[in-house]
């Protein structure tokens, strides 16, 4: 794990919680994920498959459905950059993941992620998550097909 501001103890703890939460999520331990990374009221998600979401559903039914989708795996967090200023923190990382997701066989599920946190009182809450699967380079033609939805 790389931290750009290694002398920032608050940021280092936030990165540690994020790494633990990412591992819990790919294992299907969604309740642990939510416990480690509370979500801000105005949370936005830009998931790797496209559709932008606003808000988060922490109902038991939703958490159970997500846990069934992520059936096991492991994750390590490779931090590319992390910064904190006042009540905002940003972590840019690669979640190096392998797991069983959505009934598909064990495979690489690594994602590039940008996480934005906002502090309210003593709590750092996840305000925004952007994830994409472009961990492995693609050529211009592949990018063009992806951009126009021809994949």
N, C-alpha and C. Protein backbone atom coordinates (compact mmCIF):
# COMPACT_ATOMS: atom_id res chain seq x y z
N UNK A 1 0.85 -1.17 0.00
CA UNK A 1 0.00 0.00 0.00
C UNK A 1 0.90 1.23 0.00
N UNK A 2 0.60 2.19 -0.85
CA UNK A 2 1.36 3.43 -0.94
C UNK A 2 0.50 4.58 -0.45
N UNK A 3 1.06 5.43 0.38
CA UNK A 3 0.35 6.61 0.87
C UNK A 3 1.18 7.82 0.51
N UNK A 4 0.59 8.80 -0.17
CA UNK A 4 1.37 9.96 -0.59
C UNK A 4 1.67 10.88 0.58
N UNK A 5 0.82 10.90 1.59
CA UNK A 5 1.04 11.75 2.77
C UNK A 5 1.15 10.83 4.00
N UNK A 6 2.25 10.07 4.07
CA UNK A 6 2.37 9.05 5.09
C UNK A 6 2.40 9.62 6.51
N UNK A 7 2.65 10.92 6.65
CA UNK A 7 2.65 11.51 7.98
C UNK A 7 1.25 11.94 8.43
N UNK A 8 0.24 11.72 7.60
CA UNK A 8 -1.14 12.07 7.93
C UNK A 8 -1.80 10.84 8.54
N UNK A 9 -1.83 10.79 9.87
CA UNK A 9 -2.36 9.64 10.58
C UNK A 9 -3.85 9.41 10.30
N UNK A 10 -4.62 10.47 10.19
CA UNK A 10 -6.05 10.35 9.90
C UNK A 10 -6.24 9.70 8.53
N UNK A 11 -5.51 10.15 7.55
CA UNK A 11 -5.61 9.60 6.20
C UNK A 11 -5.15 8.14 6.18
N UNK A 12 -4.10 7.83 6.88
CA UNK A 12 -3.61 6.45 6.94
C UNK A 12 -4.66 5.53 7.54
N UNK A 13 -5.37 5.98 8.59
CA UNK A 13 -6.44 5.16 9.18
C UNK A 13 -7.59 4.99 8.21
N UNK A 14 -7.92 6.05 7.47
CA UNK A 14 -9.00 5.98 6.48
C UNK A 14 -8.64 5.00 5.36
N UNK A 15 -7.40 5.01 4.93
CA UNK A 15 -6.94 4.06 3.91
C UNK A 15 -7.01 2.63 4.45
N UNK A 16 -6.61 2.44 5.68
CA UNK A 16 -6.68 1.11 6.29
C UNK A 16 -8.10 0.59 6.37
N UNK A 17 -9.04 1.45 6.77
CA UNK A 17 -10.46 1.06 6.82
C UNK A 17 -10.98 0.75 5.42
N UNK A 18 -10.56 1.55 4.43
CA UNK A 18 -10.99 1.33 3.05
C UNK A 18 -10.48 -0.01 2.54
N UNK A 19 -9.24 -0.35 2.83
CA UNK A 19 -8.67 -1.63 2.41
C UNK A 19 -9.44 -2.79 3.05
N UNK A 20 -9.72 -2.68 4.32
CA UNK A 20 -10.47 -3.73 5.02
C UNK A 20 -11.89 -3.84 4.46
N UNK A 21 -12.51 -2.69 4.18
CA UNK A 21 -13.87 -2.69 3.64
C UNK A 21 -13.92 -3.32 2.25
N UNK A 22 -12.93 -3.02 1.42
CA UNK A 22 -12.88 -3.60 0.07
C UNK A 22 -12.76 -5.12 0.14
N UNK A 23 -11.96 -5.61 1.05
CA UNK A 23 -11.81 -7.06 1.23
C UNK A 23 -13.12 -7.68 1.71
N UNK A 24 -13.78 -7.01 2.64
CA UNK A 24 -15.06 -7.53 3.14
C UNK A 24 -16.09 -7.59 2.02
N UNK A 25 -16.14 -6.56 1.18
CA UNK A 25 -17.15 -6.49 0.12
C UNK A 25 -17.01 -7.65 -0.87
N UNK A 26 -15.80 -7.91 -1.36
CA UNK A 26 -15.61 -8.97 -2.36
C UNK A 26 -15.91 -10.35 -1.75
N UNK A 27 -15.77 -10.47 -0.42
CA UNK A 27 -16.11 -11.72 0.27
C UNK A 27 -17.61 -11.86 0.49
N UNK A 28 -18.36 -10.78 0.24
CA UNK A 28 -19.80 -10.82 0.48
C UNK A 28 -20.19 -10.39 1.87
N UNK A 29 -19.25 -9.89 2.65
CA UNK A 29 -19.53 -9.41 4.00
C UNK A 29 -19.91 -7.93 3.92
N UNK A 30 -21.07 -7.68 3.34
CA UNK A 30 -21.52 -6.32 3.04
C UNK A 30 -21.81 -5.53 4.31
N UNK A 31 -22.29 -6.20 5.34
CA UNK A 31 -22.57 -5.49 6.60
C UNK A 31 -21.27 -4.94 7.21
N UNK A 32 -20.21 -5.71 7.12
CA UNK A 32 -18.91 -5.24 7.61
C UNK A 32 -18.43 -4.06 6.78
N UNK A 33 -18.62 -4.15 5.45
CA UNK A 33 -18.25 -3.05 4.56
C UNK A 33 -18.95 -1.76 4.99
N UNK A 34 -20.25 -1.82 5.21
CA UNK A 34 -21.03 -0.63 5.59
C UNK A 34 -20.60 -0.12 6.96
N UNK A 35 -20.28 -1.04 7.85
CA UNK A 35 -19.81 -0.65 9.19
C UNK A 35 -18.48 0.12 9.09
N UNK A 36 -17.59 -0.34 8.23
CA UNK A 36 -16.28 0.29 8.08
C UNK A 36 -16.35 1.60 7.30
N UNK A 37 -17.24 1.67 6.30
CA UNK A 37 -17.34 2.86 5.44
C UNK A 37 -18.77 3.38 5.43
N UNK A 38 -19.15 4.14 6.44
CA UNK A 38 -20.50 4.72 6.39
C UNK A 38 -20.62 5.62 5.17
N UNK A 39 -21.82 5.68 4.61
CA UNK A 39 -22.06 6.47 3.41
C UNK A 39 -22.75 7.78 3.77
N UNK A 40 -22.33 8.86 3.12
CA UNK A 40 -22.91 10.18 3.36
C UNK A 40 -24.34 10.19 2.82
N UNK A 41 -25.14 11.10 3.35
CA UNK A 41 -26.54 11.22 2.93
C UNK A 41 -26.67 11.46 1.43
N UNK A 42 -25.80 12.24 0.84
CA UNK A 42 -25.87 12.54 -0.58
C UNK A 42 -24.96 11.67 -1.43
N UNK A 43 -24.67 10.46 -0.98
CA UNK A 43 -23.75 9.54 -1.65
C UNK A 43 -24.10 9.34 -3.12
N UNK A 44 -23.05 9.34 -3.98
CA UNK A 44 -23.21 8.98 -5.38
C UNK A 44 -22.27 7.82 -5.71
N UNK A 45 -22.74 6.97 -6.61
CA UNK A 45 -21.96 5.83 -7.05
C UNK A 45 -21.93 5.81 -8.58
N UNK A 46 -20.72 5.73 -9.11
CA UNK A 46 -20.53 5.51 -10.54
C UNK A 46 -19.90 4.13 -10.66
N UNK A 47 -20.75 3.08 -10.75
CA UNK A 47 -20.24 1.71 -10.75
C UNK A 47 -19.56 1.36 -12.07
N UNK A 48 -18.80 0.28 -12.09
CA UNK A 48 -18.03 -0.07 -13.29
C UNK A 48 -18.88 -0.44 -14.50
N UNK A 49 -20.15 -0.71 -14.30
CA UNK A 49 -20.99 -1.09 -15.44
C UNK A 49 -21.87 0.04 -15.93
N UNK A 50 -21.70 1.25 -15.42
CA UNK A 50 -22.35 2.40 -16.06
C UNK A 50 -23.31 3.21 -15.24
N UNK A 51 -24.47 2.71 -14.96
CA UNK A 51 -25.57 3.48 -14.40
C UNK A 51 -25.18 4.23 -13.12
N UNK A 52 -25.33 5.56 -13.11
CA UNK A 52 -25.01 6.37 -11.94
C UNK A 52 -26.14 6.24 -10.93
N UNK A 53 -25.77 6.06 -9.67
CA UNK A 53 -26.77 5.92 -8.60
C UNK A 53 -26.60 7.05 -7.59
N UNK A 54 -27.72 7.46 -7.03
CA UNK A 54 -27.73 8.47 -5.97
C UNK A 54 -28.33 7.83 -4.73
N UNK A 55 -27.67 8.00 -3.60
CA UNK A 55 -28.15 7.41 -2.36
C UNK A 55 -27.72 5.96 -2.26
N UNK A 56 -28.04 5.37 -1.14
CA UNK A 56 -27.66 3.97 -0.90
C UNK A 56 -28.77 3.31 -0.08
N UNK A 57 -29.04 2.07 -0.38
CA UNK A 57 -30.07 1.31 0.32
C UNK A 57 -29.39 0.36 1.30
N UNK A 58 -29.52 0.63 2.60
CA UNK A 58 -28.92 -0.21 3.62
C UNK A 58 -29.94 -1.15 4.26
N UNK A 59 -31.07 -1.37 3.58
CA UNK A 59 -32.07 -2.29 4.13
C UNK A 59 -31.49 -3.70 4.16
N UNK A 60 -32.00 -4.50 5.05
CA UNK A 60 -31.55 -5.89 5.15
C UNK A 60 -31.70 -6.63 3.84
N UNK A 61 -32.80 -6.40 3.14
CA UNK A 61 -33.04 -7.06 1.86
C UNK A 61 -31.96 -6.69 0.83
N UNK A 62 -31.62 -5.42 0.75
CA UNK A 62 -30.60 -4.96 -0.20
C UNK A 62 -29.23 -5.52 0.17
N UNK A 63 -28.88 -5.47 1.45
CA UNK A 63 -27.58 -5.99 1.89
C UNK A 63 -27.48 -7.49 1.63
N UNK A 64 -28.57 -8.22 1.87
CA UNK A 64 -28.57 -9.67 1.63
C UNK A 64 -28.40 -9.98 0.15
N UNK A 65 -29.07 -9.22 -0.71
CA UNK A 65 -28.96 -9.43 -2.16
C UNK A 65 -27.53 -9.18 -2.63
N UNK A 66 -26.91 -8.13 -2.13
CA UNK A 66 -25.53 -7.82 -2.50
C UNK A 66 -24.59 -8.92 -2.00
N UNK A 67 -24.83 -9.39 -0.79
CA UNK A 67 -23.99 -10.45 -0.23
C UNK A 67 -24.08 -11.73 -1.05
N UNK A 68 -25.27 -12.03 -1.60
CA UNK A 68 -25.42 -13.22 -2.45
C UNK A 68 -24.68 -13.05 -3.78
N UNK A 69 -24.55 -11.81 -4.26
CA UNK A 69 -23.90 -11.54 -5.54
C UNK A 69 -22.38 -11.70 -5.43
N UNK A 70 -21.81 -11.23 -4.31
CA UNK A 70 -20.36 -11.32 -4.07
C UNK A 70 -20.12 -12.53 -3.17
N UNK A 71 -19.70 -13.64 -3.79
CA UNK A 71 -19.72 -14.93 -3.11
C UNK A 71 -18.37 -15.36 -2.53
N UNK A 72 -17.37 -14.52 -2.64
CA UNK A 72 -16.08 -14.87 -2.05
C UNK A 72 -14.93 -14.37 -2.89
N UNK A 73 -13.87 -14.02 -2.22
CA UNK A 73 -12.69 -13.55 -2.93
C UNK A 73 -11.76 -12.83 -1.98
N UNK A 74 -10.79 -12.18 -2.58
CA UNK A 74 -9.83 -11.41 -1.78
C UNK A 74 -9.47 -10.14 -2.53
N UNK A 75 -9.01 -9.16 -1.78
CA UNK A 75 -8.70 -7.86 -2.35
C UNK A 75 -7.52 -7.24 -1.62
N UNK A 76 -6.66 -6.60 -2.38
CA UNK A 76 -5.64 -5.74 -1.78
C UNK A 76 -5.80 -4.36 -2.41
N UNK A 77 -5.58 -3.35 -1.63
CA UNK A 77 -5.76 -1.98 -2.09
C UNK A 77 -4.39 -1.38 -2.43
N UNK A 78 -4.22 -1.01 -3.69
CA UNK A 78 -3.00 -0.37 -4.16
C UNK A 78 -3.29 1.12 -4.30
N UNK A 79 -2.84 1.90 -3.36
CA UNK A 79 -3.14 3.33 -3.36
C UNK A 79 -2.21 4.04 -4.34
N UNK A 80 -2.82 4.76 -5.27
CA UNK A 80 -2.08 5.54 -6.27
C UNK A 80 -1.79 6.93 -5.71
N UNK A 81 -2.79 7.50 -5.06
CA UNK A 81 -2.65 8.82 -4.45
C UNK A 81 -3.72 8.97 -3.38
N UNK A 82 -3.38 9.68 -2.33
CA UNK A 82 -4.33 9.97 -1.26
C UNK A 82 -4.02 11.35 -0.71
N UNK A 83 -5.06 12.15 -0.59
CA UNK A 83 -4.91 13.51 -0.08
C UNK A 83 -6.06 13.84 0.85
N UNK A 84 -5.78 14.74 1.79
CA UNK A 84 -6.81 15.21 2.70
C UNK A 84 -6.62 16.70 2.90
N UNK A 85 -7.74 17.42 2.89
CA UNK A 85 -7.71 18.85 3.17
C UNK A 85 -8.99 19.20 3.92
N UNK A 86 -8.84 19.67 5.13
CA UNK A 86 -10.01 20.01 5.92
C UNK A 86 -10.93 18.82 6.10
N UNK A 87 -12.19 18.98 5.69
CA UNK A 87 -13.20 17.94 5.87
C UNK A 87 -13.36 17.03 4.66
N UNK A 88 -12.42 17.09 3.71
CA UNK A 88 -12.48 16.24 2.52
C UNK A 88 -11.22 15.38 2.41
N UNK A 89 -11.42 14.15 1.95
CA UNK A 89 -10.30 13.26 1.68
C UNK A 89 -10.60 12.52 0.38
N UNK A 90 -9.56 12.27 -0.40
CA UNK A 90 -9.69 11.56 -1.67
C UNK A 90 -8.66 10.44 -1.70
N UNK A 91 -9.13 9.26 -2.08
CA UNK A 91 -8.24 8.12 -2.26
C UNK A 91 -8.41 7.63 -3.70
N UNK A 92 -7.32 7.58 -4.43
CA UNK A 92 -7.31 7.05 -5.79
C UNK A 92 -6.52 5.75 -5.70
N UNK A 93 -7.14 4.64 -6.12
CA UNK A 93 -6.50 3.35 -5.89
C UNK A 93 -6.91 2.33 -6.94
N UNK A 94 -6.22 1.21 -6.89
CA UNK A 94 -6.62 0.04 -7.65
C UNK A 94 -6.96 -1.04 -6.62
N UNK A 95 -8.19 -1.53 -6.72
CA UNK A 95 -8.60 -2.66 -5.89
C UNK A 95 -8.20 -3.91 -6.66
N UNK A 96 -7.13 -4.55 -6.26
CA UNK A 96 -6.65 -5.78 -6.90
C UNK A 96 -7.47 -6.93 -6.31
N UNK A 97 -8.47 -7.37 -7.07
CA UNK A 97 -9.44 -8.33 -6.56
C UNK A 97 -9.52 -9.58 -7.43
N UNK A 98 -9.74 -10.69 -6.77
CA UNK A 98 -10.07 -11.96 -7.41
C UNK A 98 -11.25 -12.50 -6.62
N UNK A 99 -12.25 -12.99 -7.32
CA UNK A 99 -13.39 -13.51 -6.60
C UNK A 99 -14.42 -14.16 -7.48
N UNK A 100 -15.45 -14.67 -6.81
CA UNK A 100 -16.61 -15.26 -7.46
C UNK A 100 -17.73 -14.24 -7.32
N UNK A 101 -18.13 -13.66 -8.45
CA UNK A 101 -19.11 -12.59 -8.45
C UNK A 101 -20.23 -12.94 -9.44
N UNK A 102 -21.46 -12.83 -8.98
CA UNK A 102 -22.60 -13.05 -9.86
C UNK A 102 -22.66 -14.44 -10.46
N UNK A 103 -22.14 -15.43 -9.74
CA UNK A 103 -22.19 -16.80 -10.23
C UNK A 103 -21.13 -17.14 -11.27
N UNK A 104 -20.31 -16.19 -11.65
CA UNK A 104 -19.23 -16.46 -12.61
C UNK A 104 -18.07 -17.12 -11.88
N UNK A 105 -17.24 -17.86 -12.61
CA UNK A 105 -16.10 -18.52 -11.97
C UNK A 105 -15.12 -17.51 -11.36
N UNK A 106 -14.30 -18.01 -10.46
CA UNK A 106 -13.25 -17.20 -9.85
C UNK A 106 -12.45 -16.51 -10.94
N UNK A 107 -12.32 -15.18 -10.84
CA UNK A 107 -11.59 -14.42 -11.85
C UNK A 107 -11.13 -13.08 -11.29
N UNK A 108 -10.34 -12.39 -12.09
CA UNK A 108 -9.85 -11.06 -11.73
C UNK A 108 -11.01 -10.07 -11.83
N UNK A 109 -11.28 -9.36 -10.73
CA UNK A 109 -12.31 -8.32 -10.68
C UNK A 109 -11.68 -6.98 -10.29
N UNK A 110 -10.43 -6.77 -10.65
CA UNK A 110 -9.74 -5.55 -10.24
C UNK A 110 -10.40 -4.31 -10.85
N UNK A 111 -10.42 -3.24 -10.06
CA UNK A 111 -11.06 -1.99 -10.46
C UNK A 111 -10.16 -0.81 -10.12
N UNK A 112 -10.22 0.22 -10.97
CA UNK A 112 -9.64 1.52 -10.62
C UNK A 112 -10.75 2.27 -9.88
N UNK A 113 -10.42 2.84 -8.74
CA UNK A 113 -11.45 3.53 -7.95
C UNK A 113 -10.97 4.91 -7.50
N UNK A 114 -11.93 5.81 -7.43
CA UNK A 114 -11.72 7.11 -6.81
C UNK A 114 -12.79 7.23 -5.74
N UNK A 115 -12.35 7.48 -4.51
CA UNK A 115 -13.24 7.57 -3.36
C UNK A 115 -13.11 8.95 -2.75
N UNK A 116 -14.24 9.60 -2.54
CA UNK A 116 -14.26 10.92 -1.91
C UNK A 116 -14.98 10.78 -0.58
N UNK A 117 -14.33 11.22 0.48
CA UNK A 117 -14.88 11.16 1.83
C UNK A 117 -15.12 12.57 2.35
N UNK A 118 -16.16 12.69 3.17
CA UNK A 118 -16.47 13.96 3.83
C UNK A 118 -16.57 13.69 5.32
N UNK A 119 -15.95 14.58 6.10
CA UNK A 119 -15.99 14.42 7.55
C UNK A 119 -17.12 15.25 8.13
N UNK A 120 -17.90 14.61 8.96
CA UNK A 120 -18.95 15.30 9.72
C UNK A 120 -18.72 14.94 11.17
N UNK A 121 -18.27 15.92 11.96
CA UNK A 121 -17.89 15.63 13.34
C UNK A 121 -16.66 14.75 13.35
N UNK A 122 -16.76 13.59 14.00
CA UNK A 122 -15.64 12.64 14.06
C UNK A 122 -15.74 11.54 13.02
N UNK A 123 -16.79 11.58 12.19
CA UNK A 123 -17.04 10.49 11.25
C UNK A 123 -16.67 10.88 9.83
N UNK A 124 -15.88 10.01 9.18
CA UNK A 124 -15.57 10.16 7.77
C UNK A 124 -16.54 9.28 7.01
N UNK A 125 -17.37 9.87 6.16
CA UNK A 125 -18.36 9.13 5.39
C UNK A 125 -18.01 9.16 3.91
N UNK A 126 -18.28 8.06 3.23
CA UNK A 126 -18.04 7.97 1.80
C UNK A 126 -19.10 8.78 1.07
N UNK A 127 -18.68 9.82 0.36
CA UNK A 127 -19.60 10.70 -0.35
C UNK A 127 -19.73 10.32 -1.82
N UNK A 128 -18.67 9.73 -2.39
CA UNK A 128 -18.67 9.40 -3.82
C UNK A 128 -17.71 8.27 -4.10
N UNK A 129 -18.14 7.35 -4.96
CA UNK A 129 -17.26 6.26 -5.42
C UNK A 129 -17.41 6.16 -6.93
N UNK A 130 -16.29 6.19 -7.61
CA UNK A 130 -16.25 5.98 -9.06
C UNK A 130 -15.34 4.79 -9.29
N UNK A 131 -15.85 3.77 -9.99
CA UNK A 131 -15.06 2.57 -10.25
C UNK A 131 -15.16 2.20 -11.72
N UNK A 132 -14.03 1.76 -12.27
CA UNK A 132 -14.07 1.24 -13.64
C UNK A 132 -13.10 0.07 -13.76
N UNK A 133 -13.34 -0.81 -14.74
CA UNK A 133 -12.52 -2.00 -14.87
C UNK A 133 -11.29 -1.82 -15.75
N UNK A 134 -10.92 -0.60 -16.08
CA UNK A 134 -9.81 -0.37 -17.02
C UNK A 134 -8.44 -0.46 -16.34
N UNK A 135 -8.25 -1.51 -15.58
CA UNK A 135 -6.96 -1.75 -14.91
C UNK A 135 -5.91 -2.16 -15.93
N UNK A 136 -6.34 -2.90 -16.95
CA UNK A 136 -5.44 -3.35 -18.01
C UNK A 136 -5.58 -2.41 -19.19
N UNK A 137 -4.48 -1.98 -19.78
CA UNK A 137 -4.56 -1.04 -20.91
C UNK A 137 -5.40 -1.60 -22.06
N UNK A 138 -6.11 -0.70 -22.75
CA UNK A 138 -6.84 -1.06 -23.96
C UNK A 138 -6.38 -0.13 -25.07
N UNK A 139 -6.57 -0.56 -26.32
CA UNK A 139 -6.13 0.27 -27.43
C UNK A 139 -7.24 1.25 -27.82
N UNK A 140 -6.91 2.15 -28.74
CA UNK A 140 -7.83 3.20 -29.16
C UNK A 140 -9.13 2.64 -29.75
N UNK A 141 -9.03 1.56 -30.54
CA UNK A 141 -10.23 0.96 -31.12
C UNK A 141 -11.15 0.40 -30.04
N UNK A 142 -10.59 -0.27 -29.05
CA UNK A 142 -11.40 -0.80 -27.95
C UNK A 142 -12.07 0.35 -27.19
N UNK A 143 -11.31 1.42 -26.94
CA UNK A 143 -11.87 2.58 -26.24
C UNK A 143 -13.01 3.18 -27.04
N UNK A 144 -12.85 3.28 -28.35
CA UNK A 144 -13.89 3.82 -29.21
C UNK A 144 -15.17 2.98 -29.14
N UNK A 145 -15.03 1.65 -29.20
CA UNK A 145 -16.20 0.77 -29.10
C UNK A 145 -16.88 0.93 -27.75
N UNK A 146 -16.09 1.00 -26.71
CA UNK A 146 -16.63 1.17 -25.37
C UNK A 146 -17.36 2.50 -25.23
N UNK A 147 -16.77 3.57 -25.75
CA UNK A 147 -17.36 4.90 -25.64
C UNK A 147 -18.70 5.01 -26.35
N UNK A 148 -18.85 4.30 -27.45
CA UNK A 148 -20.11 4.38 -28.18
C UNK A 148 -21.08 3.25 -27.83
N UNK A 149 -20.71 2.44 -26.82
CA UNK A 149 -21.61 1.38 -26.36
C UNK A 149 -21.69 0.18 -27.28
N UNK A 150 -20.65 -0.03 -28.06
CA UNK A 150 -20.65 -1.13 -29.04
C UNK A 150 -19.95 -2.38 -28.52
N UNK A 151 -19.78 -2.50 -27.24
CA UNK A 151 -19.08 -3.65 -26.67
C UNK A 151 -20.08 -4.73 -26.35
